[in-house]
Protein backbone atom coordinates (compact mmCIF):
# COMPACT_ATOMS: atom_id res chain seq x y z
CA MET A 1 -12.00 -28.48 14.72
CA ASN A 2 -15.38 -26.88 14.05
CA VAL A 3 -15.96 -23.33 12.83
CA PHE A 4 -16.52 -21.92 16.32
CA GLU A 5 -13.29 -23.46 17.65
CA SER A 6 -11.37 -22.18 14.64
CA ILE A 7 -12.67 -18.65 15.14
CA MET A 8 -11.90 -18.76 18.86
CA THR A 9 -8.37 -20.01 18.18
CA GLY A 10 -7.79 -17.15 15.76
CA LEU A 11 -9.20 -14.58 18.18
CA ASN A 12 -7.04 -15.91 21.03
CA GLU A 13 -3.96 -15.73 18.82
CA ALA A 14 -4.80 -12.12 17.94
CA VAL A 15 -5.30 -11.19 21.61
CA ASN A 16 -2.00 -12.85 22.57
CA TYR A 17 -0.20 -10.98 19.80
CA GLU A 18 -1.70 -7.62 20.78
CA SER A 19 -0.81 -8.12 24.43
CA GLY A 20 2.78 -9.06 23.53
CA LYS A 21 2.43 -12.67 24.68
CA SER A 22 3.30 -14.07 21.27
CA LYS A 23 5.45 -13.05 18.36
CA VAL A 24 4.61 -13.39 14.69
CA ARG A 25 6.82 -13.37 11.68
CA THR A 26 6.14 -10.52 9.31
CA VAL A 27 7.25 -10.03 5.75
CA GLN A 28 7.34 -6.66 4.08
CA LEU A 29 6.67 -6.65 0.37
CA THR A 30 6.83 -3.95 -2.23
CA VAL A 31 4.61 -4.40 -5.27
CA ALA A 32 5.83 -2.78 -8.46
CA PRO A 33 3.39 -0.39 -10.11
CA VAL A 34 1.31 -1.77 -12.96
CA PRO A 35 3.17 -0.83 -16.18
CA ASP A 36 1.70 1.17 -19.04
CA PHE A 37 1.97 -0.05 -22.63
CA THR A 38 1.66 1.77 -25.92
CA ALA A 39 -0.06 0.21 -28.92
CA GLU A 40 3.33 -0.29 -30.53
CA GLU A 41 4.74 -2.04 -27.44
CA ILE A 42 1.80 -4.44 -27.30
CA LYS A 43 2.17 -5.35 -30.96
CA ALA A 44 5.95 -5.77 -30.58
CA LEU A 45 5.44 -8.02 -27.54
CA ARG A 46 2.92 -10.17 -29.42
CA GLN A 47 5.31 -10.45 -32.35
CA THR A 48 8.20 -11.32 -30.03
CA LEU A 49 6.05 -14.15 -28.70
CA ASN A 50 5.47 -15.17 -32.35
CA MET A 51 1.68 -15.19 -31.88
CA THR A 52 -1.25 -14.21 -34.02
CA GLN A 53 -3.73 -11.73 -32.57
CA GLY A 54 -6.09 -14.66 -31.98
CA THR A 55 -3.56 -16.73 -30.06
CA PHE A 56 -2.41 -13.71 -28.08
CA ALA A 57 -6.04 -12.88 -27.26
CA ALA A 58 -6.61 -16.43 -26.00
CA LEU A 59 -3.47 -16.19 -23.85
CA MET A 60 -4.62 -12.85 -22.41
CA GLY A 61 -8.21 -14.03 -21.89
CA VAL A 62 -9.69 -11.35 -24.14
CA SER A 63 -11.22 -11.26 -27.60
CA SER A 64 -9.27 -10.83 -30.83
CA LYS A 65 -11.12 -7.53 -31.31
CA THR A 66 -9.72 -6.34 -27.96
CA VAL A 67 -6.14 -7.12 -29.00
CA GLU A 68 -6.80 -5.44 -32.35
CA ALA A 69 -8.06 -2.33 -30.51
CA TRP A 70 -5.04 -2.32 -28.17
CA GLU A 71 -2.65 -2.50 -31.11
CA ALA A 72 -4.53 0.24 -32.98
CA GLY A 73 -4.45 2.46 -29.91
CA THR A 74 -8.25 2.62 -29.84
CA ASN A 75 -8.44 0.99 -26.40
CA ILE A 76 -5.86 0.52 -23.68
CA PRO A 77 -5.46 -2.57 -21.51
CA LEU A 78 -6.51 -2.17 -17.90
CA GLY A 79 -5.15 -3.48 -14.58
CA THR A 80 -4.83 -7.23 -14.79
CA ALA A 81 -4.09 -7.24 -18.52
CA ARG A 82 -1.33 -4.65 -18.02
CA ARG A 83 0.17 -6.76 -15.22
CA MET A 84 0.14 -9.82 -17.49
CA LEU A 85 1.72 -7.83 -20.32
CA GLY A 86 4.45 -6.75 -17.90
CA LEU A 87 5.10 -10.33 -16.88
CA LEU A 88 5.26 -11.45 -20.50
CA LYS A 89 7.64 -8.61 -21.33
CA SER A 90 9.97 -9.56 -18.48
CA ASP A 91 9.86 -13.29 -19.27
CA ASN A 92 8.54 -14.23 -22.69
CA SER A 93 8.94 -17.93 -21.89
CA ILE A 94 5.93 -17.81 -19.53
CA PRO A 95 3.43 -19.18 -22.08
CA THR A 96 5.47 -22.32 -22.74
CA LYS A 97 6.92 -22.63 -19.24
CA TYR A 98 3.43 -22.86 -17.73
CA ASN A 99 1.80 -24.73 -20.65
CA LEU A 100 -0.47 -21.80 -21.46
CA VAL A 101 -0.21 -22.44 -25.20
CA GLY A 102 -0.16 -25.67 -27.12
């Protein structure tokens, strides 16, 4: 199927759905808010994972200086980092389960 045919198929499916000629399955999801973390909570989480600041930084995809600043309360983690911290807090086996650390 070429690009034009693919687009036309999608448009026809949308028209059929809007006119009630076809049904689609929908799933309703609720996404939990991104959690906040204090400097103390970040340090405690890192220590629970038994990681140095350098290893934790590599896991988080940030510099060691960034982790140091988070733990000192100088900077706070933003969006994606806070989501990852939340995941690690809820399941601290994630790094080994998904081979993220050696």
